[in-house]
Amino acid sequence: MRGGGALLLIAGGGKGERVTARAAACNALLAPFELRVMSEQGAGPIVGESGLELAEAHCPWYVVGGDPLACREDGKAVLAVAEYGRGQVTVFADGWLFSTESMGLSREKPTESQRRNHELAYLVLEETLRLRRRVREGS
């Protein structure tokens, strides 16, 4: 990671004891980067840095630490990044948005809601890949 690697962690959703176990596993992985996910779920829109509503949250957790790029309506980060040496960790805490239920089938024209989910998923992936370009360019 320090030399320019990238880690994308997608978390969130679920109920009961499995949530606690998943959050603990995520946090063990994120601890060296001074990041945590919290399994307290929220609802409502996911809002970008500009204040624009990006998508409707399903059952997002939230991220503590790093630089927030998108938040729940209550201001808690759903998407955050943290630099680590020349590398970067990106955490997205509403994994449901990457599901077929959220995105729809690729052979069908997406609804407006699904299109917004696609755009948010693209933002998550773009943020992770942006680092790869920076490292290749030597900055």
C-alpha atoms as a PDB file:
ATOM      1  CA  MET A   1       0.000   0.000   0.000  1.00  0.00           C
ATOM      2  CA  ARG A   2       2.724   2.471   0.916  1.00  0.00           C
ATOM      3  CA  GLY A   3       4.348   2.048  -2.496  1.00  0.00           C
ATOM      4  CA  GLY A   4       1.218   2.985  -4.422  1.00  0.00           C
ATOM      5  CA  GLY A   5      -1.297   0.211  -3.918  1.00  0.00           C
ATOM      6  CA  ALA A   6      -5.043   0.655  -3.696  1.00  0.00           C
ATOM      7  CA  LEU A   7      -7.599  -1.037  -1.481  1.00  0.00           C
ATOM      8  CA  LEU A   8     -11.343  -0.753  -2.035  1.00  0.00           C
ATOM      9  CA  LEU A   9     -13.482  -2.065   0.816  1.00  0.00           C
ATOM     10  CA  ILE A  10     -17.225  -2.317   0.213  1.00  0.00           C
ATOM     11  CA  ALA A  11     -19.232  -2.929   3.382  1.00  0.00           C
ATOM     12  CA  GLY A  12     -22.703  -2.406   4.801  1.00  0.00           C
ATOM     13  CA  GLY A  13     -26.121  -3.928   5.125  1.00  0.00           C
ATOM     14  CA  GLY A  14     -27.430  -6.981   6.883  1.00  0.00           C
ATOM     15  CA  LYS A  15     -28.959  -7.613  10.286  1.00  0.00           C
ATOM     16  CA  GLY A  16     -28.194  -9.349  13.551  1.00  0.00           C
ATOM     17  CA  GLU A  17     -25.012 -11.064  14.675  1.00  0.00           C
ATOM     18  CA  ARG A  18     -23.642 -11.335  11.129  1.00  0.00           C
ATOM     19  CA  VAL A  19     -23.474  -7.538  10.969  1.00  0.00           C
ATOM     20  CA  THR A  20     -21.364  -7.390  14.118  1.00  0.00           C
ATOM     21  CA  ALA A  21     -18.998 -10.054  12.783  1.00  0.00           C
ATOM     22  CA  ARG A  22     -18.719  -8.343   9.370  1.00  0.00           C
ATOM     23  CA  ALA A  23     -18.043  -4.953  10.934  1.00  0.00           C
ATOM     24  CA  ALA A  24     -15.349  -6.456  13.186  1.00  0.00           C
ATOM     25  CA  ALA A  25     -13.669  -8.125  10.195  1.00  0.00           C
ATOM     26  CA  CYS A  26     -13.755  -4.869   8.204  1.00  0.00           C
ATOM     27  CA  ASN A  27     -12.358  -2.898  11.122  1.00  0.00           C
ATOM     28  CA  ALA A  28      -9.496  -5.365  11.648  1.00  0.00           C
ATOM     29  CA  LEU A  29      -8.519  -4.781   8.011  1.00  0.00           C
ATOM     30  CA  LEU A  30      -8.953  -0.986   8.224  1.00  0.00           C
ATOM     31  CA  ALA A  31      -7.211  -0.384  11.584  1.00  0.00           C
ATOM     32  CA  PRO A  32      -3.697   0.198  10.137  1.00  0.00           C
ATOM     33  CA  PHE A  33      -5.163   2.988   7.981  1.00  0.00           C
ATOM     34  CA  GLU A  34      -6.943   4.730  10.879  1.00  0.00           C
ATOM     35  CA  LEU A  35     -10.352   3.986   9.379  1.00  0.00           C
ATOM     36  CA  ARG A  36     -13.413   2.239  10.816  1.00  0.00           C
ATOM     37  CA  VAL A  37     -16.866   1.283   9.637  1.00  0.00           C
ATOM     38  CA  MET A  38     -19.785   1.575  12.008  1.00  0.00           C
ATOM     39  CA  SER A  39     -22.748  -0.744  11.465  1.00  0.00           C
ATOM     40  CA  GLU A  40     -25.349   1.792  12.607  1.00  0.00           C
ATOM     41  CA  GLN A  41     -27.655   1.930   9.623  1.00  0.00           C
ATOM     42  CA  GLY A  42     -29.281   5.046   8.251  1.00  0.00           C
ATOM     43  CA  ALA A  43     -31.672   5.828   5.461  1.00  0.00           C
ATOM     44  CA  GLY A  44     -32.360   8.646   3.083  1.00  0.00           C
ATOM     45  CA  PRO A  45     -30.239  10.116   0.331  1.00  0.00           C
ATOM     46  CA  ILE A  46     -26.484   9.815  -0.154  1.00  0.00           C
ATOM     47  CA  VAL A  47     -25.177  13.314  -0.787  1.00  0.00           C
ATOM     48  CA  GLY A  48     -21.922  14.240  -2.563  1.00  0.00           C
ATOM     49  CA  GLU A  49     -19.406  16.917  -1.600  1.00  0.00           C
ATOM     50  CA  SER A  50     -21.314  19.495  -3.655  1.00  0.00           C
ATOM     51  CA  GLY A  51     -24.538  18.801  -1.749  1.00  0.00           C
ATOM     52  CA  LEU A  52     -26.074  17.055  -4.752  1.00  0.00           C
ATOM     53  CA  GLU A  53     -28.116  13.937  -3.984  1.00  0.00           C
ATOM     54  CA  LEU A  54     -26.253  11.027  -5.593  1.00  0.00           C
ATOM     55  CA  ALA A  55     -28.502   8.069  -4.778  1.00  0.00           C
ATOM     56  CA  GLU A  56     -30.996   6.764  -2.269  1.00  0.00           C
ATOM     57  CA  ALA A  57     -29.294   4.858   0.532  1.00  0.00           C
ATOM     58  CA  HIS A  58     -30.514   1.353   1.237  1.00  0.00           C
ATOM     59  CA  CYS A  59     -29.036   0.427   4.603  1.00  0.00           C
ATOM     60  CA  PRO A  60     -25.653   2.115   4.734  1.00  0.00           C
ATOM     61  CA  TRP A  61     -23.205   1.882   7.538  1.00  0.00           C
ATOM     62  CA  TYR A  62     -20.857   4.810   7.907  1.00  0.00           C
ATOM     63  CA  VAL A  63     -17.123   5.424   7.783  1.00  0.00           C
ATOM     64  CA  VAL A  64     -15.073   7.058  10.528  1.00  0.00           C
ATOM     65  CA  GLY A  65     -11.783   8.612   9.432  1.00  0.00           C
ATOM     66  CA  GLY A  66     -10.355   9.585   6.078  1.00  0.00           C
ATOM     67  CA  ASP A  67     -11.700  12.262   3.774  1.00  0.00           C
ATOM     68  CA  PRO A  68     -15.454  11.959   3.174  1.00  0.00           C
ATOM     69  CA  LEU A  69     -16.590  12.114  -0.456  1.00  0.00           C
ATOM     70  CA  ALA A  70     -20.273  11.232   0.057  1.00  0.00           C
ATOM     71  CA  CYS A  71     -22.419  11.256   3.188  1.00  0.00           C
ATOM     72  CA  ARG A  72     -25.745  10.113   4.502  1.00  0.00           C
ATOM     73  CA  GLU A  73     -28.365  12.742   5.193  1.00  0.00           C
ATOM     74  CA  ASP A  74     -27.191  12.865   8.831  1.00  0.00           C
ATOM     75  CA  GLY A  75     -23.697  13.916   7.692  1.00  0.00           C
ATOM     76  CA  LYS A  76     -21.973  10.580   8.390  1.00  0.00           C
ATOM     77  CA  ALA A  77     -19.630   9.472   5.578  1.00  0.00           C
ATOM     78  CA  VAL A  78     -20.687   6.607   3.308  1.00  0.00           C
ATOM     79  CA  LEU A  79     -17.691   7.004   0.987  1.00  0.00           C
ATOM     80  CA  ALA A  80     -14.289   8.026   2.345  1.00  0.00           C
ATOM     81  CA  VAL A  81     -10.671   7.797   1.242  1.00  0.00           C
ATOM     82  CA  ALA A  82      -7.429   7.812   3.194  1.00  0.00           C
ATOM     83  CA  GLU A  83      -3.923   8.099   1.800  1.00  0.00           C
ATOM     84  CA  TYR A  84      -1.310   5.689   3.028  1.00  0.00           C
ATOM     85  CA  GLY A  85       2.189   6.427   1.756  1.00  0.00           C
ATOM     86  CA  ARG A  86       1.748   6.641  -2.014  1.00  0.00           C
ATOM     87  CA  GLY A  87      -1.293   4.376  -1.777  1.00  0.00           C
ATOM     88  CA  GLN A  88      -4.905   4.880  -0.909  1.00  0.00           C
ATOM     89  CA  VAL A  89      -7.751   3.107   0.877  1.00  0.00           C
ATOM     90  CA  THR A  90     -11.296   3.738  -0.345  1.00  0.00           C
ATOM     91  CA  VAL A  91     -14.216   2.617   1.841  1.00  0.00           C
ATOM     92  CA  PHE A  92     -17.813   2.506   0.626  1.00  0.00           C
ATOM     93  CA  ALA A  93     -20.343   1.615   3.315  1.00  0.00           C
ATOM     94  CA  ASP A  94     -23.510   0.781   1.366  1.00  0.00           C
ATOM     95  CA  GLY A  95     -22.651  -2.441  -0.427  1.00  0.00           C
ATOM     96  CA  TRP A  96     -26.287  -2.957  -1.471  1.00  0.00           C
ATOM     97  CA  LEU A  97     -25.786  -0.328  -4.163  1.00  0.00           C
ATOM     98  CA  PHE A  98     -23.488  -2.778  -5.980  1.00  0.00           C
ATOM     99  CA  SER A  99     -26.163  -5.513  -6.010  1.00  0.00           C
ATOM    100  CA  THR A 100     -28.254  -6.622  -8.978  1.00  0.00           C
ATOM    101  CA  GLU A 101     -31.340  -5.534  -7.049  1.00  0.00           C
ATOM    102  CA  SER A 102     -29.964  -1.988  -6.916  1.00  0.00           C
ATOM    103  CA  MET A 103     -28.282  -1.813 -10.326  1.00  0.00           C
ATOM    104  CA  GLY A 104     -30.721  -3.882 -12.361  1.00  0.00           C
ATOM    105  CA  LEU A 105     -29.825  -6.337 -15.073  1.00  0.00           C
ATOM    106  CA  SER A 106     -27.289  -5.246 -17.683  1.00  0.00           C
ATOM    107  CA  ARG A 107     -29.594  -6.197 -20.564  1.00  0.00           C
ATOM    108  CA  GLU A 108     -32.326  -3.797 -19.379  1.00  0.00           C
ATOM    109  CA  LYS A 109     -32.504  -0.028 -19.609  1.00  0.00           C
ATOM    110  CA  PRO A 110     -31.964   1.291 -16.076  1.00  0.00           C
ATOM    111  CA  THR A 111     -34.632   3.274 -14.258  1.00  0.00           C
ATOM    112  CA  GLU A 112     -33.736   6.769 -13.063  1.00  0.00           C
ATOM    113  CA  SER A 113     -32.998   5.393  -9.585  1.00  0.00           C
ATOM    114  CA  GLN A 114     -30.795   2.627 -11.006  1.00  0.00           C
ATOM    115  CA  ARG A 115     -28.966   5.127 -13.228  1.00  0.00           C
ATOM    116  CA  ARG A 116     -28.115   7.200 -10.151  1.00  0.00           C
ATOM    117  CA  ASN A 117     -26.870   4.040  -8.415  1.00  0.00           C
ATOM    118  CA  HIS A 118     -24.664   3.305 -11.458  1.00  0.00           C
ATOM    119  CA  GLU A 119     -23.205   6.806 -11.266  1.00  0.00           C
ATOM    120  CA  LEU A 120     -22.417   6.442  -7.561  1.00  0.00           C
ATOM    121  CA  ALA A 121     -20.801   3.039  -8.158  1.00  0.00           C
ATOM    122  CA  TYR A 122     -18.745   4.645 -10.921  1.00  0.00           C
ATOM    123  CA  LEU A 123     -17.642   7.402  -8.505  1.00  0.00           C
ATOM    124  CA  VAL A 124     -16.476   4.762  -6.010  1.00  0.00           C
ATOM    125  CA  LEU A 125     -14.491   2.889  -8.658  1.00  0.00           C
ATOM    126  CA  GLU A 126     -13.173   6.073 -10.249  1.00  0.00           C
ATOM    127  CA  GLU A 127     -11.823   7.285  -6.912  1.00  0.00           C
ATOM    128  CA  THR A 128      -9.971   4.000  -6.457  1.00  0.00           C
ATOM    129  CA  LEU A 129      -8.597   4.024 -10.015  1.00  0.00           C
ATOM    130  CA  ARG A 130      -7.570   7.694  -9.850  1.00  0.00           C
ATOM    131  CA  LEU A 131      -4.831   6.635  -7.462  1.00  0.00           C
ATOM    132  CA  ARG A 132      -3.509   4.097  -9.973  1.00  0.00           C
ATOM    133  CA  ARG A 133      -3.100   6.865 -12.564  1.00  0.00           C
ATOM    134  CA  ARG A 134      -1.287   9.114 -10.072  1.00  0.00           C
ATOM    135  CA  VAL A 135       1.160   6.363  -9.149  1.00  0.00           C
ATOM    136  CA  ARG A 136       1.857   5.489 -12.790  1.00  0.00           C
ATOM    137  CA  GLU A 137       2.481   9.155 -13.567  1.00  0.00           C
ATOM    138  CA  GLY A 138       4.953   9.350 -10.676  1.00  0.00           C
ATOM    139  CA  SER A 139       3.176  11.990  -8.590  1.00  0.00           C
END
